[in-house]
N, C-alpha and C. Protein backbone atom coordinates (compact mmCIF):
# COMPACT_ATOMS: atom_id res chain seq x y z
N MET A 1 9.79 25.28 -7.34
CA MET A 1 9.92 23.82 -7.65
C MET A 1 9.29 23.63 -9.12
N THR A 2 9.90 22.86 -9.88
CA THR A 2 9.64 22.69 -11.20
C THR A 2 8.64 21.65 -11.40
N PRO A 3 7.53 21.64 -11.93
CA PRO A 3 6.56 20.61 -12.15
C PRO A 3 7.10 19.41 -12.87
N THR A 4 7.02 18.19 -12.54
CA THR A 4 7.45 17.07 -13.05
C THR A 4 6.33 16.31 -13.77
N THR A 5 6.49 15.79 -15.01
CA THR A 5 5.68 14.86 -15.75
C THR A 5 6.03 13.45 -15.52
N ILE A 6 5.16 12.74 -15.19
CA ILE A 6 5.33 11.24 -15.10
C ILE A 6 4.38 10.68 -16.22
N ASP A 7 4.95 9.73 -16.79
CA ASP A 7 4.03 8.89 -17.93
C ASP A 7 3.40 7.75 -17.12
N LEU A 8 1.93 7.94 -17.08
CA LEU A 8 1.21 6.75 -16.34
C LEU A 8 0.43 5.60 -17.50
N ALA A 9 0.79 5.87 -18.60
CA ALA A 9 0.30 4.96 -19.52
C ALA A 9 0.70 3.48 -19.35
N GLY A 10 -0.20 2.86 -19.65
CA GLY A 10 -0.03 1.52 -19.29
C GLY A 10 -0.25 0.96 -17.82
N LEU A 11 -0.63 1.74 -17.00
CA LEU A 11 -1.08 1.45 -15.68
C LEU A 11 -2.49 1.26 -15.65
N PRO A 12 -2.97 0.32 -14.93
CA PRO A 12 -4.46 0.17 -14.59
C PRO A 12 -5.08 1.72 -14.42
N GLU A 13 -6.16 1.76 -14.67
CA GLU A 13 -6.96 3.05 -14.42
C GLU A 13 -7.17 3.26 -12.79
N PRO A 14 -7.52 2.18 -12.13
CA PRO A 14 -7.39 2.35 -10.61
C PRO A 14 -6.31 2.88 -9.89
N VAL A 15 -5.15 2.40 -10.46
CA VAL A 15 -3.82 2.68 -10.01
C VAL A 15 -3.52 4.37 -10.38
N VAL A 16 -3.91 4.66 -11.64
CA VAL A 16 -3.88 6.10 -11.91
C VAL A 16 -4.76 6.99 -11.17
N ARG A 17 -5.92 6.50 -11.02
CA ARG A 17 -6.82 7.47 -10.04
C ARG A 17 -6.18 7.61 -8.63
N GLY A 18 -5.64 6.64 -8.16
CA GLY A 18 -5.03 6.56 -6.91
C GLY A 18 -3.86 7.63 -6.79
N ILE A 19 -3.06 7.41 -7.78
CA ILE A 19 -1.86 8.21 -7.90
C ILE A 19 -2.18 9.80 -8.14
N LYS A 20 -3.41 10.05 -8.77
CA LYS A 20 -3.79 11.48 -8.87
C LYS A 20 -4.34 12.15 -7.62
N GLN A 21 -4.96 11.14 -6.89
CA GLN A 21 -5.70 11.47 -5.64
C GLN A 21 -4.55 11.61 -4.76
N LEU A 22 -3.45 10.82 -4.59
CA LEU A 22 -2.31 11.04 -3.84
C LEU A 22 -1.53 12.47 -4.02
N VAL A 23 -1.43 12.82 -5.36
CA VAL A 23 -0.73 13.92 -5.68
C VAL A 23 -1.54 15.31 -5.38
N GLU A 24 -2.78 15.07 -5.55
CA GLU A 24 -3.64 16.26 -5.19
C GLU A 24 -3.84 16.50 -3.58
N SER A 25 -3.83 15.34 -3.01
CA SER A 25 -3.94 15.58 -1.45
C SER A 25 -2.56 16.20 -0.86
N LEU A 26 -1.39 15.60 -1.48
CA LEU A 26 -0.08 16.15 -1.09
C LEU A 26 0.06 17.65 -1.48
N ARG A 27 -0.63 18.09 -2.50
CA ARG A 27 -0.42 19.48 -3.22
C ARG A 27 -1.31 20.41 -2.15
N GLU A 28 -2.52 19.82 -1.84
CA GLU A 28 -3.43 20.79 -1.07
C GLU A 28 -2.65 20.79 0.55
N ALA A 29 -2.14 19.61 0.95
CA ALA A 29 -1.59 19.81 2.35
C ALA A 29 -0.19 20.54 2.44
N THR A 30 0.45 20.64 1.36
CA THR A 30 1.66 21.43 1.50
C THR A 30 1.64 22.97 0.81
N LEU A 31 0.56 23.43 0.42
CA LEU A 31 0.55 24.79 -0.30
C LEU A 31 0.43 25.63 1.00
N GLY A 32 1.37 26.53 1.16
CA GLY A 32 1.35 27.45 2.18
C GLY A 32 1.51 27.08 3.53
N GLU A 33 1.46 25.97 4.03
CA GLU A 33 1.58 25.47 5.31
C GLU A 33 2.94 25.28 5.60
N THR A 34 3.16 25.52 6.96
CA THR A 34 4.62 24.98 7.54
C THR A 34 4.26 23.78 8.27
N PRO A 35 5.25 22.96 8.23
CA PRO A 35 4.87 21.49 9.05
C PRO A 35 4.80 21.96 10.41
N PRO A 36 4.19 21.12 11.36
CA PRO A 36 4.13 21.27 12.67
C PRO A 36 5.53 20.96 13.14
N PRO A 37 5.68 21.73 14.50
CA PRO A 37 6.74 21.35 14.95
C PRO A 37 7.02 19.86 15.68
N ARG A 38 8.20 19.39 15.57
CA ARG A 38 8.41 18.05 15.88
C ARG A 38 8.59 18.01 17.34
N PRO A 39 7.92 17.00 18.30
CA PRO A 39 8.09 16.93 19.61
C PRO A 39 9.54 16.90 20.12
N SER A 40 10.02 17.39 21.28
CA SER A 40 11.41 17.32 21.74
C SER A 40 11.61 15.60 22.22
N LEU A 41 12.65 15.20 21.82
CA LEU A 41 13.24 14.02 22.15
C LEU A 41 14.00 14.19 23.62
N VAL A 42 14.12 14.99 24.39
CA VAL A 42 14.79 15.18 25.45
C VAL A 42 14.10 14.71 26.51
N GLY A 43 14.86 13.79 27.23
CA GLY A 43 14.10 12.89 28.33
C GLY A 43 13.30 11.65 27.84
N ARG A 44 13.12 11.51 26.48
CA ARG A 44 12.25 10.49 26.12
C ARG A 44 12.71 9.08 26.49
N PHE A 45 14.06 8.89 26.55
CA PHE A 45 14.64 7.54 26.89
C PHE A 45 15.20 7.75 28.33
N ALA A 46 14.82 8.66 29.04
CA ALA A 46 15.40 8.50 30.49
C ALA A 46 14.64 7.48 31.31
N VAL A 47 15.42 6.93 32.40
CA VAL A 47 14.97 5.86 33.18
C VAL A 47 14.51 6.63 34.41
N PRO A 48 13.25 6.52 34.85
CA PRO A 48 12.80 7.23 36.03
C PRO A 48 13.44 6.90 37.39
N GLY A 49 14.04 7.74 38.06
CA GLY A 49 14.73 7.62 39.26
C GLY A 49 16.20 7.23 39.27
N VAL A 50 16.77 7.34 37.95
CA VAL A 50 18.35 6.91 37.67
C VAL A 50 18.83 8.16 37.28
N SER A 51 19.76 8.61 37.90
CA SER A 51 20.67 9.74 37.59
C SER A 51 22.05 9.40 37.70
N VAL A 52 22.87 9.81 36.67
CA VAL A 52 24.34 9.29 36.62
C VAL A 52 25.10 10.59 36.55
N PRO A 53 26.02 10.89 37.53
CA PRO A 53 26.73 12.09 37.59
C PRO A 53 27.68 12.30 36.52
N LYS A 54 27.67 13.62 36.32
CA LYS A 54 28.50 14.06 35.05
C LYS A 54 30.11 13.46 35.15
N GLU A 55 30.64 13.64 36.37
CA GLU A 55 31.88 13.12 36.59
C GLU A 55 32.43 11.54 36.06
N ILE A 56 31.16 10.77 36.27
CA ILE A 56 31.20 9.55 35.97
C ILE A 56 31.07 9.20 34.56
N ILE A 57 30.52 10.20 33.96
CA ILE A 57 30.21 10.08 32.48
C ILE A 57 31.62 10.46 31.79
N ASP A 58 32.13 11.62 32.30
CA ASP A 58 33.36 12.08 31.70
C ASP A 58 34.40 11.19 31.87
N GLU A 59 34.52 10.35 33.08
CA GLU A 59 35.36 9.41 33.13
C GLU A 59 35.40 8.26 32.13
N ALA A 60 34.22 7.75 31.83
CA ALA A 60 33.91 6.75 31.03
C ALA A 60 34.18 7.27 29.61
N GLN A 61 34.07 8.56 29.24
CA GLN A 61 34.46 9.03 27.93
C GLN A 61 35.85 9.09 27.85
N ARG A 62 36.64 9.43 28.76
CA ARG A 62 38.21 9.30 28.79
C ARG A 62 38.64 7.87 28.54
N GLU A 63 38.08 7.11 29.34
CA GLU A 63 38.53 5.45 29.23
C GLU A 63 38.38 5.08 27.82
N MET A 64 37.16 5.49 27.16
CA MET A 64 36.85 4.76 25.93
C MET A 64 37.82 5.52 24.98
N TRP A 65 38.14 6.68 24.83
CA TRP A 65 38.79 7.55 23.81
C TRP A 65 40.44 7.23 24.02
N ALA A 66 40.93 6.76 25.26
CA ALA A 66 42.28 6.56 25.73
C ALA A 66 43.07 5.82 24.55
N ASN A 67 42.54 4.73 24.19
CA ASN A 67 43.38 4.01 23.22
C ASN A 67 42.86 4.07 21.77
N PHE A 68 41.98 5.20 21.47
CA PHE A 68 41.62 5.58 19.94
C PHE A 68 42.81 6.15 19.18
N PRO A 69 43.26 5.48 18.08
CA PRO A 69 44.31 6.03 17.42
C PRO A 69 44.10 7.56 16.88
N ARG A 70 44.85 8.30 17.24
CA ARG A 70 44.85 9.80 16.89
C ARG A 70 45.35 9.92 15.34
N GLU A 71 46.08 9.05 14.93
CA GLU A 71 46.41 9.14 13.43
C GLU A 71 46.40 7.73 12.70
N PHE A 72 45.75 7.96 11.65
CA PHE A 72 45.59 6.58 10.95
C PHE A 72 46.46 6.29 9.86
N PRO A 73 47.01 5.05 9.68
CA PRO A 73 47.91 4.94 8.51
C PRO A 73 47.35 5.18 7.14
N ASP A 74 48.38 5.79 6.26
CA ASP A 74 48.07 6.23 4.96
C ASP A 74 47.72 4.78 4.23
N PRO A 75 46.65 4.87 3.53
CA PRO A 75 46.35 3.39 2.86
C PRO A 75 47.24 3.09 1.74
N ASP A 76 47.99 4.21 1.14
CA ASP A 76 48.82 4.07 0.12
C ASP A 76 50.32 3.45 0.41
N GLN A 77 50.24 3.37 1.79
CA GLN A 77 51.64 2.97 2.25
C GLN A 77 51.46 1.59 2.77
N GLN A 78 52.24 0.62 2.28
CA GLN A 78 52.05 -0.90 2.75
C GLN A 78 53.07 -1.34 3.62
């Protein structure tokens, strides 16, 4: 990654100090470390005690897609 220079002239000194501290903390946090793995979302929104059979889901999907247009009109043709 190429270092980028940003002109902080004209900003108040406390703001410049804060930006420099933020950049340093980010630099320290990211050097040589891999981010921690994200927690899985599987089951996060499940409602306890409710189970929907696969057949019902498949049927609902077939009904939803039954009237979906397979071909779209060409926008150039009026």
